[in-house]
Amino acid sequence: MDSSHAVLVTGSSRGIGRQIAIDLVKRGYIVYGTYNSSKENAQELTQTGIHMEKADVSKREDLARVREKIEGEGITVSGLVNNAGIMKLMNFENYDETAFMEMLKINLMGTIYSTLEFLPHLKRTRGSIVNIASNAGIGTAAEGTTFYAITKSSVIILTKRLAFELGKYGIRVNAVAPGWIETDMTVTGKSQEEVERIKASFRSKTSLGITGKPSDISPLVVFLLSEDSRYMTGQTIVIDGGRIDNLTHGV
């Protein structure tokens, strides 16, 4: 496949990003991914044909270096998946400014920085941006997600604003808002008993009575990157099993 079908997936060494990158390679895309600390996972992914680059998305200079590397290989990116993110659980009563600022820098500023760096590519290719938000950013009642939700609601409004601003270049910008997905981020550091208790709790909060996997999210991202979604932009699509603990389901 030629370079007009090249995609960058940030935070692709684990979880949802990993599944997206793997599925894109299977469909013939040239895929670049970023990782920050999961070097072993990144090395494993290179065996599948994914080009992995170390980058902290909260640092624009890191993303500039990734862009320069891609350009040096004669590739122009036509798809950008802003997936890199972290979650620190806290509410107002146990507010931790350091943790909140870290989430802001990665979840929001990382999305802004990667878009800024690859915007010239996307203009040339009339490309597609997919931002990975969260149903927390729409208004779920999940305990401890107050400040995480603030960062993800910012990603949702950023998606809409970019769609307005970049449509004149033929660039589409959409977001996917997953519910609770079983990934390293949601289960690391917890015992199997704790994980099962968490899963049971979130199952009880869904209309379908199930929890999600990365493979439930990836197909929609692939669709939003493809020409099959050529008439869609500015949308936030929720995949959460039909959560019933929302203040509102409107976006």
Protein backbone atom coordinates (compact mmCIF):
# COMPACT_ATOMS: atom_id res chain seq x y z
CA MET A 1 0.00 0.00 0.00
CA ASP A 2 1.32 3.49 -0.81
CA SER A 3 2.08 6.23 1.69
CA SER A 4 -1.34 7.83 1.20
CA HIS A 5 -2.56 5.07 3.52
CA ALA A 6 -0.17 5.68 6.41
CA VAL A 7 -1.51 6.09 9.93
CA LEU A 8 0.08 7.21 13.20
CA VAL A 9 -1.41 5.70 16.38
CA THR A 10 -0.15 7.28 19.59
CA GLY A 11 0.11 5.12 22.68
CA SER A 12 -0.03 1.94 20.61
CA SER A 13 2.08 -0.41 22.72
CA ARG A 14 -0.82 -1.50 24.91
CA GLY A 15 -4.59 -1.73 25.20
CA ILE A 16 -6.88 -0.06 22.69
CA GLY A 17 -4.04 1.55 20.74
CA ARG A 18 -2.29 -1.77 20.29
CA GLN A 19 -5.43 -3.39 18.90
CA ILE A 20 -6.03 -0.48 16.53
CA ALA A 21 -2.46 -0.63 15.19
CA ILE A 22 -2.62 -4.41 14.67
CA ASP A 23 -5.97 -4.22 12.89
CA LEU A 24 -4.75 -1.44 10.60
CA VAL A 25 -1.70 -3.46 9.57
CA LYS A 26 -3.97 -6.40 8.77
CA ARG A 27 -5.91 -4.13 6.43
CA GLY A 28 -2.77 -3.09 4.57
CA TYR A 29 -2.06 0.28 6.15
CA ILE A 30 1.45 1.52 6.84
CA VAL A 31 1.30 1.98 10.60
CA TYR A 32 3.51 4.02 12.89
CA GLY A 33 3.00 3.84 16.63
CA THR A 34 4.37 5.61 19.67
CA TYR A 35 5.20 4.27 23.10
CA ASN A 36 6.63 5.89 26.18
CA SER A 37 7.62 3.23 28.71
CA SER A 38 6.50 -0.15 27.31
CA LYS A 39 9.68 -0.92 25.36
CA GLU A 40 9.22 -4.70 25.45
CA ASN A 41 5.67 -4.44 24.09
CA ALA A 42 6.88 -2.05 21.40
CA GLN A 43 9.61 -4.43 20.27
CA GLU A 44 7.05 -7.22 20.04
CA LEU A 45 4.81 -5.08 17.85
CA THR A 46 7.61 -4.37 15.40
CA GLN A 47 7.43 -8.07 14.51
CA THR A 48 3.90 -7.47 13.17
CA GLY A 49 5.06 -4.75 10.79
CA ILE A 50 4.26 -1.73 12.97
CA HIS A 51 6.94 0.99 13.06
CA MET A 52 7.29 1.87 16.75
CA GLU A 53 8.85 5.13 17.93
CA LYS A 54 9.51 6.21 21.52
CA ALA A 55 7.76 9.47 22.34
CA ASP A 56 6.21 11.26 25.29
CA VAL A 57 3.16 12.90 23.70
CA SER A 58 3.13 15.60 26.39
CA LYS A 59 6.33 16.92 24.79
CA ARG A 60 5.81 18.47 21.38
CA GLU A 61 9.49 18.04 20.54
CA ASP A 62 9.10 14.26 20.83
CA LEU A 63 6.26 14.29 18.32
CA ALA A 64 8.25 16.57 16.03
CA ARG A 65 11.04 14.00 16.07
CA VAL A 66 8.56 11.24 15.15
CA ARG A 67 7.24 13.37 12.30
CA GLU A 68 10.75 14.02 11.02
CA LYS A 69 11.53 10.30 11.14
CA ILE A 70 8.40 9.49 9.13
CA GLU A 71 9.14 12.22 6.61
CA GLY A 72 12.71 10.95 6.30
CA GLU A 73 11.29 7.64 5.14
CA GLY A 74 9.31 9.40 2.41
CA ILE A 75 5.95 8.81 4.11
CA THR A 76 3.04 11.23 4.43
CA VAL A 77 0.49 10.41 7.11
CA SER A 78 -3.17 10.38 6.07
CA GLY A 79 -4.61 9.14 9.35
CA LEU A 80 -3.97 10.17 12.94
CA VAL A 81 -5.30 8.28 15.95
CA ASN A 82 -4.81 10.24 19.17
CA ASN A 83 -5.03 7.36 21.60
CA ALA A 84 -2.28 7.97 24.18
CA GLY A 85 -3.79 8.62 27.57
CA ILE A 86 -3.62 7.98 31.29
CA MET A 87 -6.16 7.84 34.11
CA LYS A 88 -5.53 8.92 37.68
CA LEU A 89 -8.46 8.30 40.01
CA MET A 90 -9.42 11.21 42.29
CA ASN A 91 -12.30 13.44 43.25
CA PHE A 92 -12.38 16.96 44.68
CA GLU A 93 -11.94 15.64 48.20
CA ASN A 94 -8.58 14.02 47.36
CA TYR A 95 -7.45 16.42 44.64
CA ASP A 96 -3.86 15.91 43.47
CA GLU A 97 -2.69 18.73 41.24
CA THR A 98 0.40 16.89 40.02
CA ALA A 99 -1.70 13.94 38.86
CA PHE A 100 -4.30 16.21 37.25
CA MET A 101 -1.69 18.18 35.34
CA GLU A 102 -0.11 14.95 34.13
CA MET A 103 -3.48 13.83 32.76
CA LEU A 104 -4.02 17.21 31.10
CA LYS A 105 -0.60 17.15 29.48
CA ILE A 106 -1.00 13.65 28.07
CA ASN A 107 -4.74 13.34 27.40
CA LEU A 108 -5.38 16.85 26.06
CA MET A 109 -2.08 18.49 25.17
CA GLY A 110 -0.78 15.26 23.64
CA THR A 111 -3.78 15.28 21.30
CA ILE A 112 -3.19 18.94 20.44
CA TYR A 113 0.56 18.52 19.90
CA SER A 114 0.26 15.50 17.59
CA THR A 115 -2.43 17.25 15.57
CA LEU A 116 -0.28 20.36 15.23
CA GLU A 117 2.74 18.36 14.12
CA PHE A 118 0.92 16.24 11.53
CA LEU A 119 -1.54 18.85 10.26
CA PRO A 120 0.59 19.60 7.17
CA HIS A 121 0.47 15.88 6.29
CA LEU A 122 -3.29 15.72 6.78
CA LYS A 123 -3.84 18.81 4.64
CA ARG A 124 -1.93 17.23 1.77
CA THR A 125 -3.79 13.93 2.05
CA ARG A 126 -7.25 15.25 3.04
CA GLY A 127 -6.86 12.90 5.95
CA SER A 128 -8.79 11.71 8.97
CA ILE A 129 -8.25 12.26 12.70
CA VAL A 130 -9.75 9.96 15.31
CA ASN A 131 -9.49 11.04 18.94
CA ILE A 132 -9.98 8.46 21.67
CA ALA A 133 -12.09 10.16 24.32
CA SER A 134 -14.18 8.41 26.99
CA ASN A 135 -17.79 8.13 28.05
CA ALA A 136 -16.53 9.66 31.30
CA GLY A 137 -16.22 12.90 29.35
CA ILE A 138 -19.97 12.83 28.66
CA GLY A 139 -21.12 12.40 32.21
CA THR A 140 -20.91 8.95 33.78
CA ALA A 141 -21.06 8.60 37.56
CA ALA A 142 -18.01 6.32 37.85
CA GLU A 143 -16.31 7.01 41.17
CA GLY A 144 -12.96 8.80 41.07
CA THR A 145 -13.12 9.91 37.44
CA THR A 146 -13.95 13.60 37.97
CA PHE A 147 -10.67 15.05 36.75
CA TYR A 148 -10.06 12.34 34.17
CA ALA A 149 -13.51 13.22 32.80
CA ILE A 150 -12.50 16.87 32.54
CA THR A 151 -9.57 15.97 30.31
CA LYS A 152 -11.70 13.71 28.10
CA SER A 153 -14.57 16.20 27.77
CA SER A 154 -11.92 18.63 26.54
CA VAL A 155 -10.95 16.08 23.87
CA ILE A 156 -14.61 15.89 22.81
CA ILE A 157 -15.01 19.65 22.35
CA LEU A 158 -11.60 19.77 20.65
CA THR A 159 -12.91 17.20 18.18
CA LYS A 160 -15.87 19.41 17.31
CA ARG A 161 -13.76 22.55 16.99
CA LEU A 162 -11.19 20.84 14.78
CA ALA A 163 -13.97 19.52 12.57
CA PHE A 164 -15.19 23.09 12.07
CA GLU A 165 -11.70 24.46 11.44
CA LEU A 166 -10.27 21.74 9.23
CA GLY A 167 -13.25 20.76 7.09
CA LYS A 168 -12.19 23.27 4.43
CA TYR A 169 -9.11 21.11 3.87
CA GLY A 170 -11.19 17.96 3.50
CA ILE A 171 -9.95 16.73 6.88
CA ARG A 172 -12.45 14.75 8.94
CA VAL A 173 -12.22 14.74 12.74
CA ASN A 174 -14.22 12.33 14.89
CA ALA A 175 -13.95 10.85 18.36
CA VAL A 176 -14.68 7.49 19.92
CA ALA A 177 -15.80 7.43 23.56
CA PRO A 178 -15.30 3.97 25.07
CA GLY A 179 -16.89 2.81 28.27
CA TRP A 180 -15.02 0.52 30.66
CA ILE A 181 -12.58 -1.54 28.59
CA GLU A 182 -10.38 -4.26 30.06
CA THR A 183 -6.86 -3.00 29.39
CA ASP A 184 -3.57 -2.60 31.24
CA MET A 185 -4.69 0.87 32.30
CA THR A 186 -7.84 -0.40 34.00
CA VAL A 187 -6.50 -3.57 35.66
CA THR A 188 -2.76 -3.10 36.32
CA GLY A 189 -1.88 -3.32 40.00
CA LYS A 190 -5.13 -5.04 40.93
CA SER A 191 -5.62 -8.60 42.10
CA GLN A 192 -7.77 -10.99 40.08
CA GLU A 193 -10.44 -10.69 42.75
CA GLU A 194 -10.40 -6.90 42.48
CA VAL A 195 -10.59 -7.08 38.68
CA GLU A 196 -13.59 -9.40 38.82
CA ARG A 197 -15.30 -7.12 41.32
CA ILE A 198 -14.70 -4.10 39.06
CA LYS A 199 -15.97 -5.96 36.00
CA ALA A 200 -19.10 -7.04 37.86
CA SER A 201 -19.73 -3.46 38.93
CA PHE A 202 -19.42 -2.10 35.39
CA ARG A 203 -21.49 -4.93 33.93
CA SER A 204 -24.28 -3.86 36.26
CA LYS A 205 -24.07 -0.35 34.83
CA THR A 206 -24.63 -1.41 31.20
CA SER A 207 -27.84 -2.20 29.37
CA LEU A 208 -26.17 -5.23 27.77
CA GLY A 209 -24.74 -6.55 31.02
CA ILE A 210 -21.22 -6.90 29.61
CA THR A 211 -17.86 -5.13 29.69
CA GLY A 212 -15.74 -4.22 26.70
CA LYS A 213 -12.48 -5.30 25.09
CA PRO A 214 -10.10 -3.38 22.80
CA SER A 215 -11.47 -5.42 19.87
CA ASP A 216 -14.85 -3.76 20.49
CA ILE A 217 -13.33 -0.33 19.82
CA SER A 218 -10.88 -0.93 16.98
CA PRO A 219 -13.36 -1.66 14.14
CA LEU A 220 -15.02 1.72 14.57
CA VAL A 221 -11.66 3.51 14.49
CA VAL A 222 -10.73 1.67 11.29
CA PHE A 223 -14.07 2.70 9.79
CA LEU A 224 -13.57 6.36 10.73
CA LEU A 225 -10.15 6.37 9.09
CA SER A 226 -11.50 4.90 5.86
CA GLU A 227 -13.38 6.43 2.95
CA ASP A 228 -16.44 4.51 4.12
CA SER A 229 -16.97 7.35 6.60
CA ARG A 230 -16.28 10.16 4.10
CA TYR A 231 -19.47 12.03 5.09
CA MET A 232 -18.85 11.95 8.85
CA THR A 233 -17.06 14.61 10.86
CA GLY A 234 -17.35 16.28 14.26
CA GLN A 235 -18.98 13.22 15.80
CA THR A 236 -18.36 11.52 19.14
CA ILE A 237 -19.50 7.92 19.05
CA VAL A 238 -19.99 6.12 22.35
CA ILE A 239 -19.20 2.41 22.72
CA ASP A 240 -20.07 1.49 26.30
CA GLY A 241 -22.59 -1.33 26.32
CA GLY A 242 -25.42 1.14 26.89
CA ARG A 243 -24.34 2.72 30.16
CA ILE A 244 -27.22 3.63 32.44
CA ASP A 245 -25.31 5.84 34.91
CA ASN A 246 -25.06 8.91 32.68
CA LEU A 247 -26.36 12.34 33.59
CA THR A 248 -27.25 12.62 29.92
CA HIS A 249 -26.62 10.63 26.79
CA GLY A 250 -26.46 13.76 24.64
CA VAL A 251 -23.13 14.86 23.23
